[in-house]
Amino acid sequence: MKNSAKKAPRQDSAAPVPTRPAAPGSHKFHVGQAVYFTAGTMGRPGASGSYQIVRLLPSDGDEHHYRIKSAGEAFERVAKESQLERDR
């Protein structure tokens, strides 16, 4: 006679791989923090001003990058850590 009992779904024994959190102290600023952005020599001078950190981006090998947003602009920018300081 055939076993009519239903089997429970198989649980995968491999745990999901967590995304790697940033090492403590690796980014100088945190999401939501107000910063002052200084545009580089190639950037528009009018771009300098107060921004908010929207996202932490990975390092390019030299320094960390951030996605920043100004309340007066409809778009976001990417800034190097060296272009940012605590908001004045």
Foldseek 3Di string as FASTA:
>chain_A
DDDPDDDDDDDDPDDDDDDDDDDPPQAPDDAQAKKWFQDDPPDDRVPTGIWGFHAWACDPVPFTKTWIGDPPDPGIDIDTSVRIDHHD
